[in-house]
């Protein structure tokens, strides 16, 4: 399981902004191949979601696990960047990605992958 913790910030750069070198292009090609999508369809998606989700699959395989989860743990007062999360999920063929839920699994490189999003706003901390 990998966790992407958020407190209102984005999921990093769009692929179109992030993909600035041959090394990054190679990593993007590998990630797109892993998820079964064309690299040309990724420009408007967030690289951090690719990275964190691929990490869940890689680690599951490393530990011979049959299941993997990439969980967004959102601490913001109001969930933000949900559209980016949903767009990424749809692009890799996983439907139903929404706040407060877990998706149905998709087989990725022999691993049953699910995405999830949990939201719990952190109360303001008292000043000391």
C-alpha atoms as a PDB file:
ATOM      1  CA  UNK A   1       0.000   0.000   0.000  1.00  0.00           C
ATOM      2  CA  UNK A   2       1.225   3.460  -0.806  1.00  0.00           C
ATOM      3  CA  UNK A   3      -0.248   6.619   0.658  1.00  0.00           C
ATOM      4  CA  UNK A   4      -0.300  10.042  -0.926  1.00  0.00           C
ATOM      5  CA  UNK A   5      -0.946  12.494   1.917  1.00  0.00           C
ATOM      6  CA  UNK A   6      -2.486  15.827   0.974  1.00  0.00           C
ATOM      7  CA  UNK A   7      -3.397  19.009   2.799  1.00  0.00           C
ATOM      8  CA  UNK A   8      -4.765  21.045  -0.084  1.00  0.00           C
ATOM      9  CA  UNK A   9      -1.745  20.951  -2.414  1.00  0.00           C
ATOM     10  CA  UNK A  10      -1.760  19.552  -5.959  1.00  0.00           C
ATOM     11  CA  UNK A  11      -0.622  16.125  -7.105  1.00  0.00           C
ATOM     12  CA  UNK A  12       2.484  17.748  -8.553  1.00  0.00           C
ATOM     13  CA  UNK A  13       3.122  18.910 -12.084  1.00  0.00           C
ATOM     14  CA  UNK A  14       1.094  17.912 -15.075  1.00  0.00           C
ATOM     15  CA  UNK A  15       2.933  15.345 -17.167  1.00  0.00           C
ATOM     16  CA  UNK A  16       3.229  17.956 -19.939  1.00  0.00           C
ATOM     17  CA  UNK A  17       5.217  20.202 -17.558  1.00  0.00           C
ATOM     18  CA  UNK A  18       7.127  17.441 -15.729  1.00  0.00           C
ATOM     19  CA  UNK A  19       8.311  15.546 -18.831  1.00  0.00           C
ATOM     20  CA  UNK A  20      11.426  17.625 -19.595  1.00  0.00           C
ATOM     21  CA  UNK A  21      14.230  15.116 -20.149  1.00  0.00           C
ATOM     22  CA  UNK A  22      14.959  11.797 -21.858  1.00  0.00           C
ATOM     23  CA  UNK A  23      15.099  10.095 -18.450  1.00  0.00           C
ATOM     24  CA  UNK A  24      11.661  11.377 -17.500  1.00  0.00           C
ATOM     25  CA  UNK A  25      10.278  10.445 -20.912  1.00  0.00           C
ATOM     26  CA  UNK A  26      11.608   6.937 -20.359  1.00  0.00           C
ATOM     27  CA  UNK A  27       9.958   6.710 -16.902  1.00  0.00           C
ATOM     28  CA  UNK A  28       6.707   8.004 -18.319  1.00  0.00           C
ATOM     29  CA  UNK A  29       6.824   5.445 -21.121  1.00  0.00           C
ATOM     30  CA  UNK A  30       7.404   2.669 -18.604  1.00  0.00           C
ATOM     31  CA  UNK A  31       4.543   3.853 -16.349  1.00  0.00           C
ATOM     32  CA  UNK A  32       2.144   4.206 -19.262  1.00  0.00           C
ATOM     33  CA  UNK A  33       3.078   0.723 -20.424  1.00  0.00           C
ATOM     34  CA  UNK A  34       2.464  -0.631 -16.912  1.00  0.00           C
ATOM     35  CA  UNK A  35      -1.026   0.848 -16.856  1.00  0.00           C
ATOM     36  CA  UNK A  36      -1.792   0.083 -20.509  1.00  0.00           C
ATOM     37  CA  UNK A  37      -2.237   3.629 -21.791  1.00  0.00           C
ATOM     38  CA  UNK A  38      -0.621   5.681 -24.543  1.00  0.00           C
ATOM     39  CA  UNK A  39       1.892   8.319 -23.463  1.00  0.00           C
ATOM     40  CA  UNK A  40       0.134  10.818 -25.730  1.00  0.00           C
ATOM     41  CA  UNK A  41      -2.949  10.525 -23.481  1.00  0.00           C
ATOM     42  CA  UNK A  42      -1.068  11.550 -20.323  1.00  0.00           C
ATOM     43  CA  UNK A  43      -0.186  15.222 -20.789  1.00  0.00           C
ATOM     44  CA  UNK A  44      -3.093  16.550 -18.712  1.00  0.00           C
ATOM     45  CA  UNK A  45      -2.570  14.054 -15.874  1.00  0.00           C
ATOM     46  CA  UNK A  46      -0.472  14.553 -12.742  1.00  0.00           C
ATOM     47  CA  UNK A  47       2.870  12.733 -12.627  1.00  0.00           C
ATOM     48  CA  UNK A  48       2.729  12.227  -8.855  1.00  0.00           C
ATOM     49  CA  UNK A  49      -0.318   9.979  -9.261  1.00  0.00           C
ATOM     50  CA  UNK A  50       1.540   7.806 -11.779  1.00  0.00           C
ATOM     51  CA  UNK A  51       4.564   7.581  -9.495  1.00  0.00           C
ATOM     52  CA  UNK A  52       2.670   6.767  -6.291  1.00  0.00           C
ATOM     53  CA  UNK A  53       0.371   4.243  -7.985  1.00  0.00           C
ATOM     54  CA  UNK A  54       3.193   2.482  -9.826  1.00  0.00           C
ATOM     55  CA  UNK A  55       5.025   2.280  -6.491  1.00  0.00           C
ATOM     56  CA  UNK A  56       2.100   0.357  -4.988  1.00  0.00           C
ATOM     57  CA  UNK A  57       2.270  -2.212  -7.797  1.00  0.00           C
ATOM     58  CA  UNK A  58       6.077  -2.448  -7.667  1.00  0.00           C
ATOM     59  CA  UNK A  59       6.095  -3.017  -3.904  1.00  0.00           C
ATOM     60  CA  UNK A  60       3.284  -5.575  -4.086  1.00  0.00           C
ATOM     61  CA  UNK A  61       5.303  -7.540  -6.627  1.00  0.00           C
ATOM     62  CA  UNK A  62       8.476  -7.213  -4.556  1.00  0.00           C
ATOM     63  CA  UNK A  63       6.729  -8.745  -1.537  1.00  0.00           C
ATOM     64  CA  UNK A  64       4.833 -11.310  -3.638  1.00  0.00           C
ATOM     65  CA  UNK A  65       1.501  -9.740  -2.686  1.00  0.00           C
ATOM     66  CA  UNK A  66      -1.501 -10.264  -4.909  1.00  0.00           C
ATOM     67  CA  UNK A  67      -3.122  -6.941  -3.972  1.00  0.00           C
ATOM     68  CA  UNK A  68      -2.027  -3.308  -3.974  1.00  0.00           C
ATOM     69  CA  UNK A  69      -3.672  -0.070  -2.904  1.00  0.00           C
ATOM     70  CA  UNK A  70      -2.803   3.546  -3.627  1.00  0.00           C
ATOM     71  CA  UNK A  71      -4.597   5.635  -1.022  1.00  0.00           C
ATOM     72  CA  UNK A  72      -4.971   9.398  -0.983  1.00  0.00           C
ATOM     73  CA  UNK A  73      -5.178  10.574   2.625  1.00  0.00           C
ATOM     74  CA  UNK A  74      -6.553  14.088   2.498  1.00  0.00           C
ATOM     75  CA  UNK A  75      -6.240  16.327   5.564  1.00  0.00           C
ATOM     76  CA  UNK A  76      -7.624  19.524   4.000  1.00  0.00           C
ATOM     77  CA  UNK A  77     -10.789  21.188   5.228  1.00  0.00           C
ATOM     78  CA  UNK A  78     -12.391  20.539   1.849  1.00  0.00           C
ATOM     79  CA  UNK A  79     -11.174  17.847  -0.577  1.00  0.00           C
ATOM     80  CA  UNK A  80      -9.324  19.414  -3.463  1.00  0.00           C
ATOM     81  CA  UNK A  81      -7.816  18.112  -6.685  1.00  0.00           C
ATOM     82  CA  UNK A  82     -10.422  15.344  -6.846  1.00  0.00           C
ATOM     83  CA  UNK A  83     -10.883  15.946 -10.592  1.00  0.00           C
ATOM     84  CA  UNK A  84      -7.184  15.174 -11.180  1.00  0.00           C
ATOM     85  CA  UNK A  85      -7.487  11.952  -9.176  1.00  0.00           C
ATOM     86  CA  UNK A  86     -10.614  10.893 -11.090  1.00  0.00           C
ATOM     87  CA  UNK A  87      -9.058  11.745 -14.453  1.00  0.00           C
ATOM     88  CA  UNK A  88      -5.994   9.648 -13.615  1.00  0.00           C
ATOM     89  CA  UNK A  89      -8.127   6.718 -12.470  1.00  0.00           C
ATOM     90  CA  UNK A  90     -10.232   6.856 -15.620  1.00  0.00           C
ATOM     91  CA  UNK A  91      -7.131   7.071 -17.805  1.00  0.00           C
ATOM     92  CA  UNK A  92      -5.686   3.886 -16.311  1.00  0.00           C
ATOM     93  CA  UNK A  93      -9.041   2.109 -16.597  1.00  0.00           C
ATOM     94  CA  UNK A  94     -10.311   2.296 -13.034  1.00  0.00           C
ATOM     95  CA  UNK A  95     -13.846   3.613 -12.644  1.00  0.00           C
ATOM     96  CA  UNK A  96     -15.519   4.922  -9.507  1.00  0.00           C
ATOM     97  CA  UNK A  97     -12.629   6.841  -7.956  1.00  0.00           C
ATOM     98  CA  UNK A  98     -14.228   9.240  -5.514  1.00  0.00           C
ATOM     99  CA  UNK A  99     -13.682  10.787  -2.100  1.00  0.00           C
ATOM    100  CA  UNK A 100     -14.546   8.422   0.722  1.00  0.00           C
ATOM    101  CA  UNK A 101     -14.417   5.287  -1.370  1.00  0.00           C
ATOM    102  CA  UNK A 102     -12.335   2.457  -2.679  1.00  0.00           C
ATOM    103  CA  UNK A 103     -12.465   1.436  -6.326  1.00  0.00           C
ATOM    104  CA  UNK A 104     -13.028  -2.011  -7.683  1.00  0.00           C
ATOM    105  CA  UNK A 105      -9.772  -3.744  -8.544  1.00  0.00           C
ATOM    106  CA  UNK A 106      -7.950  -3.700 -11.844  1.00  0.00           C
ATOM    107  CA  UNK A 107      -5.290  -6.267 -12.674  1.00  0.00           C
ATOM    108  CA  UNK A 108      -1.988  -4.463 -13.302  1.00  0.00           C
ATOM    109  CA  UNK A 109       1.048  -6.605 -14.078  1.00  0.00           C
ATOM    110  CA  UNK A 110      -0.435  -9.523 -12.166  1.00  0.00           C
ATOM    111  CA  UNK A 111      -1.438  -7.433  -9.136  1.00  0.00           C
ATOM    112  CA  UNK A 112      -4.994  -6.530  -8.168  1.00  0.00           C
ATOM    113  CA  UNK A 113      -4.831  -2.724  -7.829  1.00  0.00           C
ATOM    114  CA  UNK A 114      -7.367  -0.525  -6.072  1.00  0.00           C
ATOM    115  CA  UNK A 115      -7.407   3.239  -5.550  1.00  0.00           C
ATOM    116  CA  UNK A 116      -8.921   4.939  -2.525  1.00  0.00           C
ATOM    117  CA  UNK A 117      -9.413   8.364  -1.015  1.00  0.00           C
ATOM    118  CA  UNK A 118     -10.018   9.051   2.640  1.00  0.00           C
ATOM    119  CA  UNK A 119     -10.728  12.537   3.940  1.00  0.00           C
ATOM    120  CA  UNK A 120     -10.468  13.782   7.492  1.00  0.00           C
ATOM    121  CA  UNK A 121     -10.066  17.484   8.051  1.00  0.00           C
ATOM    122  CA  UNK A 122      -7.554  18.261  10.753  1.00  0.00           C
ATOM    123  CA  UNK A 123      -8.860  20.651  13.377  1.00  0.00           C
ATOM    124  CA  UNK A 124      -6.997  23.901  13.749  1.00  0.00           C
ATOM    125  CA  UNK A 125      -4.223  23.516  16.274  1.00  0.00           C
ATOM    126  CA  UNK A 126      -4.293  25.842  19.269  1.00  0.00           C
ATOM    127  CA  UNK A 127      -1.583  28.486  19.415  1.00  0.00           C
ATOM    128  CA  UNK A 128       1.033  27.811  22.098  1.00  0.00           C
END
